[in-house]
All heavy atoms as atom14 arrays in JSON, in Angstrom:
{
  "sequence": "DCAPELAERINKAAGKTNVAVVGTGVNPGFLM",
  "atom14_mask": [
    [1, 1, 1, 1, 1, 1, 1, 1, 0, 0, 0, 0, 0, 0],
    [1, 1, 1, 1, 1, 1, 0, 0, 0, 0, 0, 0, 0, 0],
    [1, 1, 1, 1, 1, 0, 0, 0, 0, 0, 0, 0, 0, 0],
    [1, 1, 1, 1, 1, 1, 1, 0, 0, 0, 0, 0, 0, 0],
    [1, 1, 1, 1, 1, 1, 1, 1, 1, 0, 0, 0, 0, 0],
    [1, 1, 1, 1, 1, 1, 1, 1, 0, 0, 0, 0, 0, 0],
    [1, 1, 1, 1, 1, 0, 0, 0, 0, 0, 0, 0, 0, 0],
    [1, 1, 1, 1, 1, 1, 1, 1, 1, 0, 0, 0, 0, 0],
    [1, 1, 1, 1, 1, 1, 1, 1, 1, 1, 1, 0, 0, 0],
    [1, 1, 1, 1, 1, 1, 1, 1, 0, 0, 0, 0, 0, 0],
    [1, 1, 1, 1, 1, 1, 1, 1, 0, 0, 0, 0, 0, 0],
    [1, 1, 1, 1, 1, 1, 1, 1, 1, 0, 0, 0, 0, 0],
    [1, 1, 1, 1, 1, 0, 0, 0, 0, 0, 0, 0, 0, 0],
    [1, 1, 1, 1, 1, 0, 0, 0, 0, 0, 0, 0, 0, 0],
    [1, 1, 1, 1, 0, 0, 0, 0, 0, 0, 0, 0, 0, 0],
    [1, 1, 1, 1, 1, 1, 1, 1, 1, 0, 0, 0, 0, 0],
    [1, 1, 1, 1, 1, 1, 1, 0, 0, 0, 0, 0, 0, 0],
    [1, 1, 1, 1, 1, 1, 1, 1, 0, 0, 0, 0, 0, 0],
    [1, 1, 1, 1, 1, 1, 1, 0, 0, 0, 0, 0, 0, 0],
    [1, 1, 1, 1, 1, 0, 0, 0, 0, 0, 0, 0, 0, 0],
    [1, 1, 1, 1, 1, 1, 1, 0, 0, 0, 0, 0, 0, 0],
    [1, 1, 1, 1, 1, 1, 1, 0, 0, 0, 0, 0, 0, 0],
    [1, 1, 1, 1, 0, 0, 0, 0, 0, 0, 0, 0, 0, 0],
    [1, 1, 1, 1, 1, 1, 1, 0, 0, 0, 0, 0, 0, 0],
    [1, 1, 1, 1, 0, 0, 0, 0, 0, 0, 0, 0, 0, 0],
    [1, 1, 1, 1, 1, 1, 1, 0, 0, 0, 0, 0, 0, 0],
    [1, 1, 1, 1, 1, 1, 1, 1, 0, 0, 0, 0, 0, 0],
    [1, 1, 1, 1, 1, 1, 1, 0, 0, 0, 0, 0, 0, 0],
    [1, 1, 1, 1, 0, 0, 0, 0, 0, 0, 0, 0, 0, 0],
    [1, 1, 1, 1, 1, 1, 1, 1, 1, 1, 1, 0, 0, 0],
    [1, 1, 1, 1, 1, 1, 1, 1, 0, 0, 0, 0, 0, 0],
    [1, 1, 1, 1, 1, 1, 1, 1, 0, 0, 0, 0, 0, 0]
  ],
  "atom14_positions": [
    [[4.66, -6.92, 6.04], [5.6, -7.95, 6.5], [6.8, -8.11, 5.77], [7.87, -8.31, 6.27], [4.79, -9.29, 6.75], [3.87, -9.19, 7.93], [4.21, -8.57, 9.02], [2.79, -9.8, 7.78], [0.0, 0.0, 0.0], [0.0, 0.0, 0.0], [0.0, 0.0, 0.0], [0.0, 0.0, 0.0], [0.0, 0.0, 0.0], [0.0, 0.0, 0.0]],
    [[6.59, -8.17, 4.5], [7.71, -8.51, 3.4], [8.62, -7.24, 3.1], [9.82, -7.35, 2.9], [7.21, -9.12, 2.21], [6.51, -10.81, 2.32], [0.0, 0.0, 0.0], [0.0, 0.0, 0.0], [0.0, 0.0, 0.0], [0.0, 0.0, 0.0], [0.0, 0.0, 0.0], [0.0, 0.0, 0.0], [0.0, 0.0, 0.0], [0.0, 0.0, 0.0]],
    [[7.98, -5.99, 3.1], [8.77, -4.88, 2.87], [8.41, -3.68, 3.68], [7.79, -2.72, 3.24], [8.55, -4.49, 1.35], [0.0, 0.0, 0.0], [0.0, 0.0, 0.0], [0.0, 0.0, 0.0], [0.0, 0.0, 0.0], [0.0, 0.0, 0.0], [0.0, 0.0, 0.0], [0.0, 0.0, 0.0], [0.0, 0.0, 0.0], [0.0, 0.0, 0.0]],
    [[8.41, -3.79, 4.99], [7.89, -2.75, 6.0], [8.37, -1.43, 5.71], [7.67, -0.44, 5.93], [8.26, -3.35, 7.39], [9.37, -4.37, 7.13], [9.16, -4.82, 5.57], [0.0, 0.0, 0.0], [0.0, 0.0, 0.0], [0.0, 0.0, 0.0], [0.0, 0.0, 0.0], [0.0, 0.0, 0.0], [0.0, 0.0, 0.0], [0.0, 0.0, 0.0]],
    [[9.72, -1.24, 5.35], [10.31, 0.07, 5.26], [9.72, 0.83, 4.08], [9.53, 1.94, 4.09], [11.69, -0.07, 5.27], [12.39, -0.5, 6.58], [13.98, -0.67, 6.42], [14.51, -0.14, 5.33], [14.55, -1.06, 7.42], [0.0, 0.0, 0.0], [0.0, 0.0, 0.0], [0.0, 0.0, 0.0], [0.0, 0.0, 0.0], [0.0, 0.0, 0.0]],
    [[9.65, -0.02, 2.91], [9.12, 0.59, 1.78], [7.68, 0.85, 1.91], [7.15, 1.92, 1.39], [9.29, -0.33, 0.54], [10.68, -0.63, 0.08], [10.76, -1.62, -0.95], [11.47, 0.63, -0.32], [0.0, 0.0, 0.0], [0.0, 0.0, 0.0], [0.0, 0.0, 0.0], [0.0, 0.0, 0.0], [0.0, 0.0, 0.0], [0.0, 0.0, 0.0]],
    [[6.9, 0.05, 2.55], [5.52, 0.31, 2.84], [5.33, 1.62, 3.62], [4.38, 2.49, 3.43], [4.83, -0.85, 3.62], [0.0, 0.0, 0.0], [0.0, 0.0, 0.0], [0.0, 0.0, 0.0], [0.0, 0.0, 0.0], [0.0, 0.0, 0.0], [0.0, 0.0, 0.0], [0.0, 0.0, 0.0], [0.0, 0.0, 0.0], [0.0, 0.0, 0.0]],
    [[6.17, 1.84, 4.73], [5.98, 3.03, 5.48], [6.47, 4.32, 4.73], [5.89, 5.32, 4.93], [6.92, 2.91, 6.66], [6.7, 3.98, 7.84], [5.36, 4.2, 8.17], [4.57, 3.24, 8.23], [4.93, 5.39, 8.5], [0.0, 0.0, 0.0], [0.0, 0.0, 0.0], [0.0, 0.0, 0.0], [0.0, 0.0, 0.0], [0.0, 0.0, 0.0]],
    [[7.27, 4.21, 3.7], [7.68, 5.35, 2.94], [6.47, 5.8, 2.04], [6.18, 6.86, 2.02], [8.89, 4.82, 2.02], [10.21, 4.93, 2.63], [11.34, 4.53, 1.71], [11.4, 5.42, 0.58], [12.08, 5.22, -0.56], [12.74, 4.03, -0.65], [12.01, 6.06, -1.58], [0.0, 0.0, 0.0], [0.0, 0.0, 0.0], [0.0, 0.0, 0.0]],
    [[5.84, 4.7, 1.62], [4.63, 5.01, 0.76], [3.52, 5.67, 1.5], [2.85, 6.64, 1.19], [4.12, 3.83, 0.04], [5.09, 3.33, -0.99], [2.77, 4.04, -0.58], [4.81, 1.92, -1.77], [0.0, 0.0, 0.0], [0.0, 0.0, 0.0], [0.0, 0.0, 0.0], [0.0, 0.0, 0.0], [0.0, 0.0, 0.0], [0.0, 0.0, 0.0]],
    [[3.46, 5.08, 2.78], [2.36, 5.46, 3.7], [2.51, 6.9, 4.06], [1.64, 7.71, 4.04], [2.36, 4.54, 4.98], [1.23, 4.87, 5.97], [0.17, 4.92, 5.61], [1.6, 5.06, 7.14], [0.0, 0.0, 0.0], [0.0, 0.0, 0.0], [0.0, 0.0, 0.0], [0.0, 0.0, 0.0], [0.0, 0.0, 0.0], [0.0, 0.0, 0.0]],
    [[3.71, 7.19, 4.44], [4.04, 8.66, 4.78], [3.87, 9.61, 3.68], [3.34, 10.81, 3.83], [5.56, 8.8, 5.35], [5.61, 8.14, 6.67], [7.08, 8.42, 7.22], [7.16, 7.76, 8.61], [8.61, 8.0, 9.28], [0.0, 0.0, 0.0], [0.0, 0.0, 0.0], [0.0, 0.0, 0.0], [0.0, 0.0, 0.0], [0.0, 0.0, 0.0]],
    [[4.29, 9.26, 2.47], [4.15, 10.13, 1.26], [2.72, 10.38, 1.0], [2.36, 11.42, 0.67], [4.85, 9.5, 0.1], [0.0, 0.0, 0.0], [0.0, 0.0, 0.0], [0.0, 0.0, 0.0], [0.0, 0.0, 0.0], [0.0, 0.0, 0.0], [0.0, 0.0, 0.0], [0.0, 0.0, 0.0], [0.0, 0.0, 0.0], [0.0, 0.0, 0.0]],
    [[2.01, 9.27, 1.11], [0.41, 9.48, 0.79], [-0.24, 10.25, 1.79], [-1.11, 11.09, 1.54], [-0.16, 8.02, 0.61], [0.0, 0.0, 0.0], [0.0, 0.0, 0.0], [0.0, 0.0, 0.0], [0.0, 0.0, 0.0], [0.0, 0.0, 0.0], [0.0, 0.0, 0.0], [0.0, 0.0, 0.0], [0.0, 0.0, 0.0], [0.0, 0.0, 0.0]],
    [[0.18, 10.09, 3.15], [-0.51, 10.77, 4.06], [-0.19, 12.27, 3.98], [-1.0, 13.05, 4.39], [0.0, 0.0, 0.0], [0.0, 0.0, 0.0], [0.0, 0.0, 0.0], [0.0, 0.0, 0.0], [0.0, 0.0, 0.0], [0.0, 0.0, 0.0], [0.0, 0.0, 0.0], [0.0, 0.0, 0.0], [0.0, 0.0, 0.0], [0.0, 0.0, 0.0]],
    [[1.0, 12.56, 3.59], [1.57, 13.9, 3.52], [0.69, 14.78, 2.47], [0.46, 16.0, 2.7], [3.06, 14.0, 3.11], [3.61, 15.36, 3.05], [5.05, 15.36, 2.76], [5.65, 16.73, 2.75], [7.1, 16.72, 2.37], [0.0, 0.0, 0.0], [0.0, 0.0, 0.0], [0.0, 0.0, 0.0], [0.0, 0.0, 0.0], [0.0, 0.0, 0.0]],
    [[0.27, 14.14, 1.49], [-0.51, 14.84, 0.51], [-1.98, 14.42, 0.48], [-2.8, 14.88, -0.36], [0.05, 14.4, -1.03], [0.03, 13.12, -1.08], [1.39, 15.13, -1.2], [0.0, 0.0, 0.0], [0.0, 0.0, 0.0], [0.0, 0.0, 0.0], [0.0, 0.0, 0.0], [0.0, 0.0, 0.0], [0.0, 0.0, 0.0], [0.0, 0.0, 0.0]],
    [[-2.35, 13.7, 1.59], [-3.83, 13.46, 1.91], [-4.49, 12.62, 0.87], [-5.57, 12.74, 0.4], [-4.55, 14.77, 2.12], [-5.8, 14.61, 2.84], [-5.87, 13.83, 3.82], [-6.95, 15.22, 2.43], [0.0, 0.0, 0.0], [0.0, 0.0, 0.0], [0.0, 0.0, 0.0], [0.0, 0.0, 0.0], [0.0, 0.0, 0.0], [0.0, 0.0, 0.0]],
    [[-3.83, 11.54, 0.3], [-4.29, 10.64, -0.73], [-4.1, 9.26, -0.18], [-3.31, 9.02, 0.69], [-3.68, 10.87, -2.01], [-4.0, 12.22, -2.55], [-2.22, 10.4, -1.97], [0.0, 0.0, 0.0], [0.0, 0.0, 0.0], [0.0, 0.0, 0.0], [0.0, 0.0, 0.0], [0.0, 0.0, 0.0], [0.0, 0.0, 0.0], [0.0, 0.0, 0.0]],
    [[-4.85, 8.25, -0.69], [-4.8, 6.89, -0.34], [-4.11, 6.13, -1.55], [-4.31, 6.48, -2.74], [-6.21, 6.35, -0.11], [0.0, 0.0, 0.0], [0.0, 0.0, 0.0], [0.0, 0.0, 0.0], [0.0, 0.0, 0.0], [0.0, 0.0, 0.0], [0.0, 0.0, 0.0], [0.0, 0.0, 0.0], [0.0, 0.0, 0.0], [0.0, 0.0, 0.0]],
    [[-3.4, 5.04, -1.24], [-2.82, 4.18, -2.11], [-3.27, 2.67, -1.78], [-3.33, 2.33, -0.58], [-1.34, 4.22, -2.18], [-0.61, 3.19, -2.94], [-0.8, 5.66, -2.36], [0.0, 0.0, 0.0], [0.0, 0.0, 0.0], [0.0, 0.0, 0.0], [0.0, 0.0, 0.0], [0.0, 0.0, 0.0], [0.0, 0.0, 0.0], [0.0, 0.0, 0.0]],
    [[-3.64, 1.8, -2.88], [-3.92, 0.52, -2.61], [-3.43, -0.42, -3.68], [-3.41, 0.03, -4.79], [-5.48, 0.32, -2.41], [-6.18, 0.44, -3.72], [-5.74, -0.94, -1.73], [0.0, 0.0, 0.0], [0.0, 0.0, 0.0], [0.0, 0.0, 0.0], [0.0, 0.0, 0.0], [0.0, 0.0, 0.0], [0.0, 0.0, 0.0], [0.0, 0.0, 0.0]],
    [[-2.99, -1.53, -3.31], [-2.66, -2.61, -4.29], [-3.8, -3.62, -4.36], [-4.26, -4.09, -3.33], [0.0, 0.0, 0.0], [0.0, 0.0, 0.0], [0.0, 0.0, 0.0], [0.0, 0.0, 0.0], [0.0, 0.0, 0.0], [0.0, 0.0, 0.0], [0.0, 0.0, 0.0], [0.0, 0.0, 0.0], [0.0, 0.0, 0.0], [0.0, 0.0, 0.0]],
    [[-4.22, -3.98, -5.58], [-5.42, -4.81, -5.66], [-5.17, -5.67, -6.98], [-4.21, -5.64, -7.61], [-6.64, -4.05, -5.84], [-7.8, -4.91, -5.63], [-6.82, -3.3, -6.96], [0.0, 0.0, 0.0], [0.0, 0.0, 0.0], [0.0, 0.0, 0.0], [0.0, 0.0, 0.0], [0.0, 0.0, 0.0], [0.0, 0.0, 0.0], [0.0, 0.0, 0.0]],
    [[-6.21, -6.44, -7.21], [-6.22, -7.4, -8.31], [-7.13, -8.71, -7.84], [-7.63, -8.65, -6.87], [0.0, 0.0, 0.0], [0.0, 0.0, 0.0], [0.0, 0.0, 0.0], [0.0, 0.0, 0.0], [0.0, 0.0, 0.0], [0.0, 0.0, 0.0], [0.0, 0.0, 0.0], [0.0, 0.0, 0.0], [0.0, 0.0, 0.0], [0.0, 0.0, 0.0]],
    [[-7.19, -9.64, -8.79], [-7.92, -10.67, -8.58], [-7.28, -11.65, -7.65], [-7.95, -12.25, -6.71], [-8.35, -11.42, -9.87], [-7.25, -12.1, -10.56], [-9.46, -12.56, -9.51], [0.0, 0.0, 0.0], [0.0, 0.0, 0.0], [0.0, 0.0, 0.0], [0.0, 0.0, 0.0], [0.0, 0.0, 0.0], [0.0, 0.0, 0.0], [0.0, 0.0, 0.0]],
    [[-5.95, -11.85, -7.73], [-5.24, -12.6, -6.85], [-3.68, -12.19, -6.84], [-3.04, -12.6, -7.97], [-5.43, -14.06, -7.24], [-4.66, -15.1, -6.5], [-4.46, -14.96, -5.24], [-4.29, -16.1, -7.01], [0.0, 0.0, 0.0], [0.0, 0.0, 0.0], [0.0, 0.0, 0.0], [0.0, 0.0, 0.0], [0.0, 0.0, 0.0], [0.0, 0.0, 0.0]],
    [[-3.24, -11.6, -5.88], [-3.83, -11.15, -4.61], [-4.8, -10.06, -4.77], [-4.86, -9.43, -5.91], [-2.71, -10.86, -3.74], [-1.71, -10.32, -4.66], [-1.73, -11.18, -5.92], [0.0, 0.0, 0.0], [0.0, 0.0, 0.0], [0.0, 0.0, 0.0], [0.0, 0.0, 0.0], [0.0, 0.0, 0.0], [0.0, 0.0, 0.0], [0.0, 0.0, 0.0]],
    [[-5.66, -9.83, -3.75], [-6.62, -8.74, -3.83], [-8.03, -9.14, -3.63], [-8.75, -8.41, -3.07], [0.0, 0.0, 0.0], [0.0, 0.0, 0.0], [0.0, 0.0, 0.0], [0.0, 0.0, 0.0], [0.0, 0.0, 0.0], [0.0, 0.0, 0.0], [0.0, 0.0, 0.0], [0.0, 0.0, 0.0], [0.0, 0.0, 0.0], [0.0, 0.0, 0.0]],
    [[-8.44, -10.45, -3.9], [-9.74, -10.81, -3.89], [-9.93, -12.24, -3.56], [-10.29, -12.6, -2.46], [-10.48, -10.37, -5.12], [-12.01, -10.76, -5.06], [-12.81, -10.19, -4.33], [-12.49, -11.75, -5.8], [-14.15, -10.48, -4.08], [-13.73, -12.09, -5.87], [-14.64, -11.48, -4.94], [0.0, 0.0, 0.0], [0.0, 0.0, 0.0], [0.0, 0.0, 0.0]],
    [[-9.54, -13.04, -4.53], [-10.04, -14.6, -4.54], [-9.32, -15.27, -3.39], [-9.96, -16.08, -2.71], [-9.8, -15.2, -5.74], [-10.68, -14.96, -6.83], [-10.28, -15.56, -8.23], [-12.11, -15.38, -6.5], [0.0, 0.0, 0.0], [0.0, 0.0, 0.0], [0.0, 0.0, 0.0], [0.0, 0.0, 0.0], [0.0, 0.0, 0.0], [0.0, 0.0, 0.0]],
    [[-8.08, -14.94, -3.06], [-7.36, -15.8, -2.02], [-7.08, -15.03, -0.7], [-6.27, -15.46, 0.08], [-6.1, -16.36, -2.57], [-6.29, -17.25, -3.84], [-4.86, -18.11, -4.47], [-4.84, -19.58, -3.49], [0.0, 0.0, 0.0], [0.0, 0.0, 0.0], [0.0, 0.0, 0.0], [0.0, 0.0, 0.0], [0.0, 0.0, 0.0], [0.0, 0.0, 0.0]]
  ]
}
């Protein structure tokens, strides 16, 4: 929602090389 164009660039790059990308942490990512 906040950065859809950048998100799609990462999504396409990762899909092209058949790898996954994720952002995580305790917060955001888990507790909230």
